[in-house]
Amino acid sequence: MPVLPAFGPDPVFLAATKALHQSLSSIGQLTEPMRRFNAFIATTGRHHRLVETAGWLPHYTTPFDRLDDAEDAGEVSLLLEAHYSD
């Protein structure tokens, strides 16, 4: 009777997949600062567009942290008017 080969994962394949997984995890850690920077740039760009569309100029005194929930230029204009009036 012929002997069938043992079935199971190849140790070389397992080692290669483990190495690949570790490499991809390292790449993810290396790219995390760039992902956060890109998110910051996108948010800042959105805030500046809203402020400019509302007829205001972005300034270091602009309360950008309060613009996250703003939906449109009208809302931003009212928010900025109240901020600078206070």
N, C-alpha and C. Protein backbone atom coordinates (compact mmCIF):
# COMPACT_ATOMS: atom_id res chain seq x y z
N MET A 1 0.85 -1.16 0.00
CA MET A 1 0.00 0.00 0.00
C MET A 1 0.91 1.24 0.00
N PRO A 2 0.61 2.23 -0.91
CA PRO A 2 1.47 3.42 -0.99
C PRO A 2 1.26 4.31 0.24
N VAL A 3 2.32 5.00 0.62
CA VAL A 3 2.28 5.93 1.76
C VAL A 3 1.94 7.32 1.21
N LEU A 4 0.89 7.86 1.75
CA LEU A 4 0.46 9.19 1.33
C LEU A 4 1.28 10.25 2.08
N PRO A 5 1.55 11.35 1.42
CA PRO A 5 2.29 12.41 2.11
C PRO A 5 1.43 13.00 3.22
N ALA A 6 2.10 13.46 4.24
CA ALA A 6 1.39 14.09 5.36
C ALA A 6 0.85 15.45 4.89
N PHE A 7 -0.40 15.69 5.22
CA PHE A 7 -1.00 16.96 4.87
C PHE A 7 -0.88 17.91 6.05
N GLY A 8 -0.65 19.13 5.74
CA GLY A 8 -0.53 20.15 6.78
C GLY A 8 0.23 21.32 6.21
N PRO A 9 0.25 22.40 6.93
CA PRO A 9 0.94 23.58 6.44
C PRO A 9 2.44 23.35 6.34
N ASP A 10 3.01 23.83 5.29
CA ASP A 10 4.44 23.73 5.06
C ASP A 10 5.15 24.67 6.03
N PRO A 11 6.14 24.19 6.78
CA PRO A 11 6.84 25.05 7.74
C PRO A 11 7.49 26.28 7.09
N VAL A 12 7.98 26.12 5.87
CA VAL A 12 8.58 27.26 5.17
C VAL A 12 7.50 28.31 4.86
N PHE A 13 6.34 27.85 4.42
CA PHE A 13 5.23 28.75 4.14
C PHE A 13 4.79 29.48 5.41
N LEU A 14 4.70 28.75 6.52
CA LEU A 14 4.31 29.38 7.78
C LEU A 14 5.32 30.43 8.21
N ALA A 15 6.59 30.14 8.07
CA ALA A 15 7.64 31.09 8.44
C ALA A 15 7.56 32.34 7.55
N ALA A 16 7.32 32.12 6.26
CA ALA A 16 7.23 33.25 5.33
C ALA A 16 6.02 34.12 5.65
N THR A 17 4.88 33.52 5.93
CA THR A 17 3.69 34.32 6.25
C THR A 17 3.87 35.06 7.57
N LYS A 18 4.55 34.45 8.52
CA LYS A 18 4.81 35.14 9.79
C LYS A 18 5.72 36.35 9.56
N ALA A 19 6.74 36.18 8.75
CA ALA A 19 7.66 37.28 8.44
C ALA A 19 6.93 38.39 7.69
N LEU A 20 6.07 38.02 6.76
CA LEU A 20 5.30 39.01 6.01
C LEU A 20 4.37 39.78 6.94
N HIS A 21 3.71 39.08 7.84
CA HIS A 21 2.82 39.73 8.80
C HIS A 21 3.59 40.73 9.66
N GLN A 22 4.76 40.35 10.14
CA GLN A 22 5.57 41.24 10.95
C GLN A 22 6.02 42.46 10.15
N SER A 23 6.37 42.25 8.89
CA SER A 23 6.79 43.36 8.04
C SER A 23 5.64 44.34 7.82
N LEU A 24 4.46 43.82 7.53
CA LEU A 24 3.30 44.68 7.30
C LEU A 24 2.92 45.43 8.57
N SER A 25 3.05 44.79 9.72
CA SER A 25 2.77 45.47 10.99
C SER A 25 3.75 46.61 11.20
N SER A 26 5.01 46.39 10.86
CA SER A 26 6.02 47.44 11.00
C SER A 26 5.72 48.61 10.07
N ILE A 27 5.30 48.30 8.86
CA ILE A 27 4.97 49.36 7.90
C ILE A 27 3.80 50.18 8.42
N GLY A 28 2.82 49.52 9.00
CA GLY A 28 1.67 50.23 9.57
C GLY A 28 2.11 51.19 10.67
N GLN A 29 3.03 50.77 11.51
CA GLN A 29 3.52 51.64 12.57
C GLN A 29 4.31 52.81 12.00
N LEU A 30 5.05 52.57 10.94
CA LEU A 30 5.84 53.64 10.33
C LEU A 30 4.97 54.67 9.62
N THR A 31 3.85 54.23 9.07
CA THR A 31 3.00 55.15 8.31
C THR A 31 1.95 55.85 9.17
N GLU A 32 1.79 55.46 10.41
CA GLU A 32 0.79 56.08 11.29
C GLU A 32 0.98 57.59 11.42
N PRO A 33 2.21 58.09 11.64
CA PRO A 33 2.36 59.56 11.71
C PRO A 33 1.91 60.25 10.43
N MET A 34 2.18 59.65 9.28
CA MET A 34 1.77 60.26 8.01
C MET A 34 0.25 60.24 7.88
N ARG A 35 -0.40 59.17 8.35
CA ARG A 35 -1.86 59.11 8.31
C ARG A 35 -2.46 60.21 9.17
N ARG A 36 -1.89 60.43 10.37
CA ARG A 36 -2.39 61.49 11.25
C ARG A 36 -2.15 62.87 10.63
N PHE A 37 -0.99 63.06 10.00
CA PHE A 37 -0.69 64.32 9.35
C PHE A 37 -1.67 64.59 8.21
N ASN A 38 -1.95 63.57 7.40
CA ASN A 38 -2.91 63.72 6.30
C ASN A 38 -4.30 64.07 6.81
N ALA A 39 -4.71 63.45 7.91
CA ALA A 39 -6.02 63.76 8.50
C ALA A 39 -6.04 65.20 8.99
N PHE A 40 -4.94 65.65 9.59
CA PHE A 40 -4.85 67.04 10.07
C PHE A 40 -4.96 68.02 8.90
N ILE A 41 -4.23 67.74 7.81
CA ILE A 41 -4.26 68.61 6.63
C ILE A 41 -5.67 68.65 6.03
N ALA A 42 -6.33 67.51 5.96
CA ALA A 42 -7.69 67.46 5.40
C ALA A 42 -8.65 68.28 6.26
N THR A 43 -8.56 68.13 7.57
CA THR A 43 -9.44 68.87 8.48
C THR A 43 -9.16 70.37 8.40
N THR A 44 -7.88 70.73 8.40
CA THR A 44 -7.51 72.14 8.31
C THR A 44 -8.00 72.75 7.00
N GLY A 45 -7.84 72.03 5.91
CA GLY A 45 -8.32 72.51 4.62
C GLY A 45 -9.83 72.72 4.62
N ARG A 46 -10.55 71.78 5.19
CA ARG A 46 -12.01 71.91 5.28
C ARG A 46 -12.39 73.14 6.09
N HIS A 47 -11.73 73.33 7.23
CA HIS A 47 -12.02 74.49 8.08
C HIS A 47 -11.75 75.80 7.33
N HIS A 48 -10.61 75.87 6.66
CA HIS A 48 -10.27 77.10 5.94
C HIS A 48 -11.27 77.38 4.81
N ARG A 49 -11.67 76.34 4.09
CA ARG A 49 -12.67 76.54 3.02
C ARG A 49 -13.98 77.05 3.60
N LEU A 50 -14.41 76.48 4.72
CA LEU A 50 -15.66 76.94 5.34
C LEU A 50 -15.56 78.41 5.77
N VAL A 51 -14.46 78.78 6.39
CA VAL A 51 -14.27 80.15 6.85
C VAL A 51 -14.25 81.11 5.67
N GLU A 52 -13.51 80.76 4.62
CA GLU A 52 -13.43 81.63 3.44
C GLU A 52 -14.77 81.73 2.71
N THR A 53 -15.49 80.62 2.61
CA THR A 53 -16.80 80.62 1.96
C THR A 53 -17.79 81.47 2.76
N ALA A 54 -17.61 81.51 4.07
CA ALA A 54 -18.48 82.32 4.92
C ALA A 54 -18.14 83.81 4.83
N GLY A 55 -17.08 84.15 4.09
CA GLY A 55 -16.72 85.56 3.92
C GLY A 55 -15.71 86.06 4.93
N TRP A 56 -15.10 85.16 5.65
CA TRP A 56 -14.09 85.53 6.64
C TRP A 56 -12.72 85.06 6.16
N LEU A 57 -11.68 85.61 6.78
CA LEU A 57 -10.33 85.15 6.49
C LEU A 57 -9.82 84.30 7.66
N PRO A 58 -9.23 83.15 7.37
CA PRO A 58 -8.66 82.35 8.46
C PRO A 58 -7.58 83.17 9.18
N HIS A 59 -7.58 83.06 10.49
CA HIS A 59 -6.66 83.84 11.32
C HIS A 59 -6.28 82.97 12.52
N TYR A 60 -5.17 83.29 13.16
CA TYR A 60 -4.78 82.46 14.30
C TYR A 60 -5.77 82.56 15.46
N THR A 61 -6.63 83.58 15.45
CA THR A 61 -7.64 83.69 16.50
C THR A 61 -8.94 82.98 16.14
N THR A 62 -9.03 82.45 14.93
CA THR A 62 -10.24 81.74 14.50
C THR A 62 -10.40 80.48 15.35
N PRO A 63 -11.59 80.25 15.90
CA PRO A 63 -11.81 79.07 16.74
C PRO A 63 -12.04 77.80 15.88
N PHE A 64 -10.97 77.33 15.24
CA PHE A 64 -11.08 76.18 14.34
C PHE A 64 -11.63 74.94 15.04
N ASP A 65 -11.33 74.80 16.32
CA ASP A 65 -11.80 73.62 17.05
C ASP A 65 -13.32 73.59 17.16
N ARG A 66 -13.97 74.72 16.97
CA ARG A 66 -15.44 74.77 17.05
C ARG A 66 -16.10 74.55 15.69
N LEU A 67 -15.28 74.37 14.64
CA LEU A 67 -15.83 74.22 13.29
C LEU A 67 -16.02 72.77 12.87
N ASP A 68 -15.63 71.83 13.71
CA ASP A 68 -15.72 70.41 13.34
C ASP A 68 -17.14 69.99 12.99
N ASP A 69 -18.12 70.51 13.70
CA ASP A 69 -19.51 70.09 13.47
C ASP A 69 -20.26 71.01 12.52
N ALA A 70 -19.59 72.06 12.04
CA ALA A 70 -20.25 73.02 11.15
C ALA A 70 -20.57 72.36 9.81
N GLU A 71 -21.75 72.61 9.33
CA GLU A 71 -22.21 72.00 8.08
C GLU A 71 -22.07 72.92 6.87
N ASP A 72 -22.27 74.22 7.08
CA ASP A 72 -22.25 75.13 5.92
C ASP A 72 -21.67 76.48 6.31
N ALA A 73 -21.47 77.31 5.30
CA ALA A 73 -20.86 78.62 5.49
C ALA A 73 -21.73 79.54 6.34
N GLY A 74 -23.05 79.44 6.22
CA GLY A 74 -23.94 80.27 7.03
C GLY A 74 -23.76 80.01 8.51
N GLU A 75 -23.67 78.76 8.86
CA GLU A 75 -23.48 78.37 10.25
C GLU A 75 -22.11 78.88 10.75
N VAL A 76 -21.10 78.77 9.91
CA VAL A 76 -19.76 79.23 10.29
C VAL A 76 -19.76 80.74 10.47
N SER A 77 -20.44 81.45 9.58
CA SER A 77 -20.51 82.91 9.68
C SER A 77 -21.14 83.34 11.00
N LEU A 78 -22.23 82.69 11.38
CA LEU A 78 -22.88 83.01 12.66
C LEU A 78 -21.98 82.68 13.83
N LEU A 79 -21.29 81.56 13.76
CA LEU A 79 -20.40 81.14 14.82
C LEU A 79 -19.25 82.14 14.99
N LEU A 80 -18.66 82.55 13.87
CA LEU A 80 -17.55 83.49 13.93
C LEU A 80 -18.00 84.88 14.39
N GLU A 81 -19.17 85.30 13.93
CA GLU A 81 -19.70 86.60 14.36
C GLU A 81 -19.90 86.61 15.86
N ALA A 82 -20.48 85.54 16.40
CA ALA A 82 -20.69 85.46 17.85
C ALA A 82 -19.35 85.40 18.58
N HIS A 83 -18.41 84.65 18.05
CA HIS A 83 -17.09 84.52 18.70
C HIS A 83 -16.40 85.87 18.81
N TYR A 84 -16.35 86.61 17.69
CA TYR A 84 -15.63 87.88 17.71
C TYR A 84 -16.43 88.99 18.39
N SER A 85 -17.73 88.86 18.47
CA SER A 85 -18.53 89.83 19.22
C SER A 85 -18.32 89.69 20.72
N ASP A 86 -18.19 88.44 21.15
CA ASP A 86 -17.94 88.18 22.58
C ASP A 86 -16.55 88.63 22.96
